[in-house]
Amino acid sequence: MDVLVSDTSVVIDLERAQLIERIFALPYRFVVPDALYENEMRDFGGEKLVALGLEVRSLTGAQVLEAQRLRALERKISIHDSYALSLAKAEAAIVLAGDAAMRRLAEAEGL
């Protein structure tokens, strides 16, 4: 099953469009880094997302270093976006991003 790593803006957009339940019915695993979840999702429907199937992952030390490298390449992305990109690289995942700078960096990194 393919893995999708999302930034927060995509989740917000899906919620606003009332598509969140449908997206979790697709044959994908949806994953976010724990720091992104804790700081941007937990208090805004995070428990519902986890109940629907959202997987929250901790980054390894090497993945945090990779996130720092990625952020140095593109300062317009947030630290949480760099964590999501690092996790996507580690999981060989598809990136879902609402942010243009994040999408450009993901493409440049082969994600």
Protein backbone atom coordinates (compact mmCIF):
# COMPACT_ATOMS: atom_id res chain seq x y z
CA MET A 1 0.00 0.00 0.00
CA ASP A 2 1.37 3.42 -0.97
CA VAL A 3 2.21 5.91 1.76
CA LEU A 4 1.14 9.55 1.59
CA VAL A 5 2.84 12.17 3.76
CA SER A 6 0.85 15.36 4.06
CA ASP A 7 1.42 18.88 5.24
CA THR A 8 -1.21 20.51 7.43
CA SER A 9 -2.70 22.72 4.73
CA VAL A 10 -3.82 19.73 2.67
CA VAL A 11 -5.59 18.21 5.66
CA ILE A 12 -7.29 21.55 6.39
CA ASP A 13 -8.42 21.85 2.77
CA LEU A 14 -9.79 18.30 2.78
CA GLU A 15 -11.66 19.00 6.02
CA ARG A 16 -13.13 22.25 4.64
CA ALA A 17 -14.28 20.41 1.51
CA GLN A 18 -15.83 17.72 3.73
CA LEU A 19 -13.67 15.05 2.08
CA ILE A 20 -11.64 13.88 5.07
CA GLU A 21 -13.59 10.66 5.65
CA ARG A 22 -13.46 9.83 1.94
CA ILE A 23 -9.71 10.36 1.67
CA PHE A 24 -9.09 7.87 4.45
CA ALA A 25 -11.24 5.32 2.62
CA LEU A 26 -8.71 5.29 -0.26
CA PRO A 27 -6.12 2.49 -0.43
CA TYR A 28 -3.28 4.58 1.02
CA ARG A 29 -1.59 4.94 4.38
CA PHE A 30 -1.60 8.57 5.54
CA VAL A 31 1.40 9.51 7.67
CA VAL A 32 2.62 12.72 9.34
CA PRO A 33 5.63 13.48 11.55
CA ASP A 34 4.90 13.62 15.26
CA ALA A 35 6.08 17.23 15.64
CA LEU A 36 3.72 18.38 12.89
CA TYR A 37 0.87 16.46 14.48
CA GLU A 38 1.56 17.77 17.99
CA ASN A 39 1.97 21.40 16.97
CA GLU A 40 -0.51 21.75 14.13
CA MET A 41 -3.08 18.95 14.23
CA ARG A 42 -3.67 17.51 17.69
CA ASP A 43 -5.84 20.36 18.95
CA PHE A 44 -7.64 20.79 15.62
CA GLY A 45 -9.32 17.44 15.08
CA GLY A 46 -6.19 15.33 15.44
CA GLU A 47 -7.85 12.59 17.45
CA LYS A 48 -10.51 12.21 14.74
CA LEU A 49 -7.80 11.94 12.09
CA VAL A 50 -5.99 9.23 14.06
CA ALA A 51 -9.27 7.37 14.53
CA LEU A 52 -9.78 7.53 10.76
CA GLY A 53 -6.32 6.03 10.19
CA LEU A 54 -3.75 8.83 10.27
CA GLU A 55 -0.38 7.44 11.35
CA VAL A 56 1.89 9.64 13.45
CA ARG A 57 5.60 8.86 13.20
CA SER A 58 8.62 9.98 15.18
CA LEU A 59 11.67 10.96 13.15
CA THR A 60 15.02 9.33 13.80
CA GLY A 61 18.08 11.47 14.42
CA ALA A 62 19.17 10.94 10.83
CA GLN A 63 15.74 12.04 9.61
CA VAL A 64 15.92 15.23 11.69
CA LEU A 65 19.33 15.97 10.17
CA GLU A 66 17.85 15.39 6.72
CA ALA A 67 15.01 17.78 7.57
CA GLN A 68 17.57 20.42 8.53
CA ARG A 69 19.40 19.88 5.24
CA LEU A 70 16.16 20.24 3.29
CA ARG A 71 15.18 23.41 5.10
CA ALA A 72 18.58 24.91 4.38
CA LEU A 73 17.91 24.28 0.68
CA GLU A 74 14.56 26.08 0.80
CA ARG A 75 14.12 28.58 3.63
CA LYS A 76 10.53 29.32 2.59
CA ILE A 77 9.31 25.99 3.97
CA SER A 78 8.48 25.59 7.64
CA ILE A 79 10.40 23.26 9.92
CA HIS A 80 7.31 21.04 10.03
CA ASP A 81 7.23 20.89 6.24
CA SER A 82 10.89 19.88 6.24
CA TYR A 83 10.05 17.11 8.73
CA ALA A 84 7.26 15.92 6.41
CA LEU A 85 9.66 15.88 3.44
CA SER A 86 12.28 13.98 5.41
CA LEU A 87 9.70 11.43 6.51
CA ALA A 88 8.48 11.09 2.93
CA LYS A 89 12.02 10.36 1.77
CA ALA A 90 12.47 7.74 4.47
CA GLU A 91 9.12 6.09 3.67
CA ALA A 92 9.54 6.39 -0.13
CA ALA A 93 6.19 8.14 0.08
CA ILE A 94 4.10 10.45 -2.03
CA VAL A 95 4.07 14.04 -0.75
CA LEU A 96 0.81 15.98 -0.51
CA ALA A 97 1.62 19.67 -0.21
CA GLY A 98 -0.37 22.85 -0.53
CA ASP A 99 2.78 24.98 -0.35
CA ALA A 100 4.47 25.75 -3.69
CA ALA A 101 7.97 25.94 -2.19
CA MET A 102 7.48 22.57 -0.52
CA ARG A 103 6.27 21.03 -3.80
CA ARG A 104 9.25 22.43 -5.71
CA LEU A 105 11.71 21.05 -3.16
CA ALA A 106 9.93 17.68 -3.11
CA GLU A 107 10.22 17.46 -6.89
CA ALA A 108 13.88 18.51 -6.80
CA GLU A 109 14.51 15.72 -4.26
CA GLY A 110 12.74 13.14 -6.41
CA LEU A 111 9.65 12.83 -4.23
